[in-house]
Every structure is written in structure tokens, then in C-alpha cells.
C-alpha atoms as a PDB file:
ATOM      1  CA  UNK A   1       0.109   0.029  -0.086  1.00  0.00           C
ATOM      2  CA  UNK A   2       1.194   3.525  -0.694  1.00  0.00           C
ATOM      3  CA  UNK A   3       0.292   6.251   1.739  1.00  0.00           C
ATOM      4  CA  UNK A   4      -0.951   9.307   0.309  1.00  0.00           C
ATOM      5  CA  UNK A   5      -1.817  11.771   3.089  1.00  0.00           C
ATOM      6  CA  UNK A   6       0.563  14.367   1.802  1.00  0.00           C
ATOM      7  CA  UNK A   7      -1.080  14.750  -1.331  1.00  0.00           C
ATOM      8  CA  UNK A   8      -4.741  14.089  -0.070  1.00  0.00           C
ATOM      9  CA  UNK A   9      -4.384  16.874   2.534  1.00  0.00           C
ATOM     10  CA  UNK A  10      -2.875  19.214  -0.103  1.00  0.00           C
ATOM     11  CA  UNK A  11      -5.995  18.498  -2.279  1.00  0.00           C
ATOM     12  CA  UNK A  12      -7.767  19.660   0.400  1.00  0.00           C
ATOM     13  CA  UNK A  13      -5.812  22.986   1.194  1.00  0.00           C
ATOM     14  CA  UNK A  14      -3.933  21.677   4.130  1.00  0.00           C
ATOM     15  CA  UNK A  15      -0.131  22.119   3.485  1.00  0.00           C
ATOM     16  CA  UNK A  16       1.506  21.953   7.089  1.00  0.00           C
ATOM     17  CA  UNK A  17       1.728  18.878   9.164  1.00  0.00           C
ATOM     18  CA  UNK A  18       0.917  20.950  12.167  1.00  0.00           C
ATOM     19  CA  UNK A  19      -2.462  22.358  10.392  1.00  0.00           C
ATOM     20  CA  UNK A  20      -3.612  18.945  10.224  1.00  0.00           C
ATOM     21  CA  UNK A  21      -2.307  17.828  13.831  1.00  0.00           C
ATOM     22  CA  UNK A  22      -4.651  21.037  14.819  1.00  0.00           C
ATOM     23  CA  UNK A  23      -7.469  19.749  13.210  1.00  0.00           C
ATOM     24  CA  UNK A  24      -7.332  16.434  14.121  1.00  0.00           C
ATOM     25  CA  UNK A  25      -6.533  17.307  17.826  1.00  0.00           C
ATOM     26  CA  UNK A  26     -10.030  19.234  17.846  1.00  0.00           C
ATOM     27  CA  UNK A  27     -11.850  16.076  16.529  1.00  0.00           C
ATOM     28  CA  UNK A  28     -10.050  14.345  19.385  1.00  0.00           C
ATOM     29  CA  UNK A  29      -7.245  12.731  17.801  1.00  0.00           C
ATOM     30  CA  UNK A  30      -4.068  13.776  19.647  1.00  0.00           C
ATOM     31  CA  UNK A  31      -1.286  13.030  17.895  1.00  0.00           C
ATOM     32  CA  UNK A  32       2.542  13.630  18.919  1.00  0.00           C
ATOM     33  CA  UNK A  33       4.969  15.837  16.925  1.00  0.00           C
ATOM     34  CA  UNK A  34       7.155  12.765  16.193  1.00  0.00           C
ATOM     35  CA  UNK A  35       3.979  10.453  14.949  1.00  0.00           C
ATOM     36  CA  UNK A  36       2.831  13.134  13.087  1.00  0.00           C
ATOM     37  CA  UNK A  37       6.081  14.259  11.192  1.00  0.00           C
ATOM     38  CA  UNK A  38       6.212  10.201  10.448  1.00  0.00           C
ATOM     39  CA  UNK A  39       2.476  10.348   9.149  1.00  0.00           C
ATOM     40  CA  UNK A  40       2.998  13.581   6.837  1.00  0.00           C
ATOM     41  CA  UNK A  41       6.442  12.573   5.416  1.00  0.00           C
ATOM     42  CA  UNK A  42       6.652   8.612   5.512  1.00  0.00           C
ATOM     43  CA  UNK A  43       4.346   5.733   5.570  1.00  0.00           C
ATOM     44  CA  UNK A  44       3.280   4.554   9.041  1.00  0.00           C
ATOM     45  CA  UNK A  45       3.732   1.391  10.196  1.00  0.00           C
ATOM     46  CA  UNK A  46       1.048   0.927  11.946  1.00  0.00           C
ATOM     47  CA  UNK A  47      -2.285   3.169  12.346  1.00  0.00           C
ATOM     48  CA  UNK A  48      -5.400   2.302  14.273  1.00  0.00           C
ATOM     49  CA  UNK A  49      -8.734   2.093  12.032  1.00  0.00           C
ATOM     50  CA  UNK A  50     -10.314   4.599  14.337  1.00  0.00           C
ATOM     51  CA  UNK A  51      -7.209   7.005  13.812  1.00  0.00           C
ATOM     52  CA  UNK A  52      -7.916   6.510  10.027  1.00  0.00           C
ATOM     53  CA  UNK A  53     -11.871   7.531  10.270  1.00  0.00           C
ATOM     54  CA  UNK A  54     -10.801  10.758  12.294  1.00  0.00           C
ATOM     55  CA  UNK A  55      -7.804  11.946   9.351  1.00  0.00           C
ATOM     56  CA  UNK A  56     -11.076  10.982   6.576  1.00  0.00           C
ATOM     57  CA  UNK A  57     -13.714  12.947   8.773  1.00  0.00           C
ATOM     58  CA  UNK A  58     -10.820  16.109   8.908  1.00  0.00           C
ATOM     59  CA  UNK A  59      -9.781  16.151   5.153  1.00  0.00           C
ATOM     60  CA  UNK A  60     -13.375  15.049   3.975  1.00  0.00           C
ATOM     61  CA  UNK A  61     -11.817  12.126   1.966  1.00  0.00           C
ATOM     62  CA  UNK A  62     -12.238   8.345   1.392  1.00  0.00           C
ATOM     63  CA  UNK A  63      -9.958   5.708   3.011  1.00  0.00           C
ATOM     64  CA  UNK A  64      -8.984   5.098  -0.842  1.00  0.00           C
ATOM     65  CA  UNK A  65      -7.379   8.582  -1.241  1.00  0.00           C
ATOM     66  CA  UNK A  66      -4.983   7.770   1.793  1.00  0.00           C
ATOM     67  CA  UNK A  67      -4.381   4.099   0.990  1.00  0.00           C
ATOM     68  CA  UNK A  68      -3.306   3.531  -2.756  1.00  0.00           C
ATOM     69  CA  UNK A  69      -3.310  -0.332  -3.468  1.00  0.00           C
ATOM     70  CA  UNK A  70       0.115  -1.384  -5.225  1.00  0.00           C
ATOM     71  CA  UNK A  71      -0.309  -5.038  -6.076  1.00  0.00           C
ATOM     72  CA  UNK A  72       2.824  -5.391  -8.217  1.00  0.00           C
ATOM     73  CA  UNK A  73       4.551  -5.148  -4.770  1.00  0.00           C
ATOM     74  CA  UNK A  74       3.089  -8.578  -3.882  1.00  0.00           C
ATOM     75  CA  UNK A  75       5.533 -11.281  -4.003  1.00  0.00           C
ATOM     76  CA  UNK A  76       4.073 -14.309  -5.522  1.00  0.00           C
ATOM     77  CA  UNK A  77       5.193 -17.731  -3.974  1.00  0.00           C
ATOM     78  CA  UNK A  78       8.345 -18.654  -5.785  1.00  0.00           C
ATOM     79  CA  UNK A  79       9.224 -15.238  -7.035  1.00  0.00           C
ATOM     80  CA  UNK A  80      11.447 -13.024  -5.744  1.00  0.00           C
ATOM     81  CA  UNK A  81      10.324  -9.310  -5.449  1.00  0.00           C
ATOM     82  CA  UNK A  82      12.380  -6.731  -7.178  1.00  0.00           C
ATOM     83  CA  UNK A  83      12.025  -3.234  -6.612  1.00  0.00           C
ATOM     84  CA  UNK A  84      12.960  -0.991  -9.545  1.00  0.00           C
ATOM     85  CA  UNK A  85      12.488   2.796  -9.867  1.00  0.00           C
ATOM     86  CA  UNK A  86      10.747   3.854 -12.767  1.00  0.00           C
ATOM     87  CA  UNK A  87      13.222   4.526 -15.894  1.00  0.00           C
ATOM     88  CA  UNK A  88      16.042   3.359 -13.793  1.00  0.00           C
ATOM     89  CA  UNK A  89      18.432   0.513 -15.243  1.00  0.00           C
ATOM     90  CA  UNK A  90      19.741  -2.283 -13.143  1.00  0.00           C
ATOM     91  CA  UNK A  91      23.614  -1.754 -12.544  1.00  0.00           C
ATOM     92  CA  UNK A  92      25.844  -4.850 -11.873  1.00  0.00           C
ATOM     93  CA  UNK A  93      26.926  -4.746  -8.278  1.00  0.00           C
ATOM     94  CA  UNK A  94      30.336  -3.100  -7.483  1.00  0.00           C
ATOM     95  CA  UNK A  95      32.702  -5.493  -5.911  1.00  0.00           C
ATOM     96  CA  UNK A  96      35.659  -3.804  -3.893  1.00  0.00           C
ATOM     97  CA  UNK A  97      38.648  -5.489  -3.774  1.00  0.00           C
ATOM     98  CA  UNK A  98      40.112  -6.321  -0.177  1.00  0.00           C
ATOM     99  CA  UNK A  99      42.935  -7.305   1.076  1.00  0.00           C
ATOM    100  CA  UNK A 100      43.905 -10.930   2.572  1.00  0.00           C
ATOM    101  CA  UNK A 101      44.009  -9.691   5.786  1.00  0.00           C
ATOM    102  CA  UNK A 102      40.565  -8.086   5.855  1.00  0.00           C
ATOM    103  CA  UNK A 103      41.626  -4.660   5.600  1.00  0.00           C
ATOM    104  CA  UNK A 104      40.573  -2.627   2.445  1.00  0.00           C
ATOM    105  CA  UNK A 105      42.922  -1.317  -0.221  1.00  0.00           C
ATOM    106  CA  UNK A 106      43.990   2.513  -0.344  1.00  0.00           C
ATOM    107  CA  UNK A 107      41.933   4.839  -2.641  1.00  0.00           C
ATOM    108  CA  UNK A 108      42.694   5.254  -6.090  1.00  0.00           C
END
């Protein structure tokens, strides 16, 4: 799932995390500055369903606006999940030579 809070908030005219944090508190959801920062700029590890309800009410959005499915990232049995940025080409791994005693060689 892709967490889409920032774009959803911007579409509703909310441009700052602190502004959303105040609105959430007015609706009974008090979030610490650290957790708000994680919600705003990252992808939450866990989030209560009740909290999602409050966020949707405050932003006037649907759950599908906040959580966007990414089925291509789901690993199938027997397959590896490979994440490559769009337009990126896979580069061969860089091999760094080391001395036999385990120390690295000086830079060239």
C-alpha cells in the first residue's frame, strides 16, 4: 500500500503537518509531533482504524484517497520481489577488492 496523506491533504488545502495536527486534535485525535512527522513525510508502520476514520473526517476524504493499493509489489510464491525505480536500469554490483588480512585497499 502507498500512503498518500500529504497529497490528499494538499488537495483539501492543508499544506502543513502542524495544521492537520491541530485539526485532528479538535476532533479528538491527539498525535505527538514525532508521530505526525512520520505520518506526514513517511509511511506509517501501524495506524488504528479509528485514527483513519478521524483523518478521513478532517480531510473530507475516503480511505481510498489515503491508501493506494500496489499489487505489483506483492510477492508471489516462488518469486522474488524486485523493486526498481521507473526509468532506472539495473547496474551490476560493485566489487570492492580487499586485502587478504581483511583490511580495505587505499583509494585510487
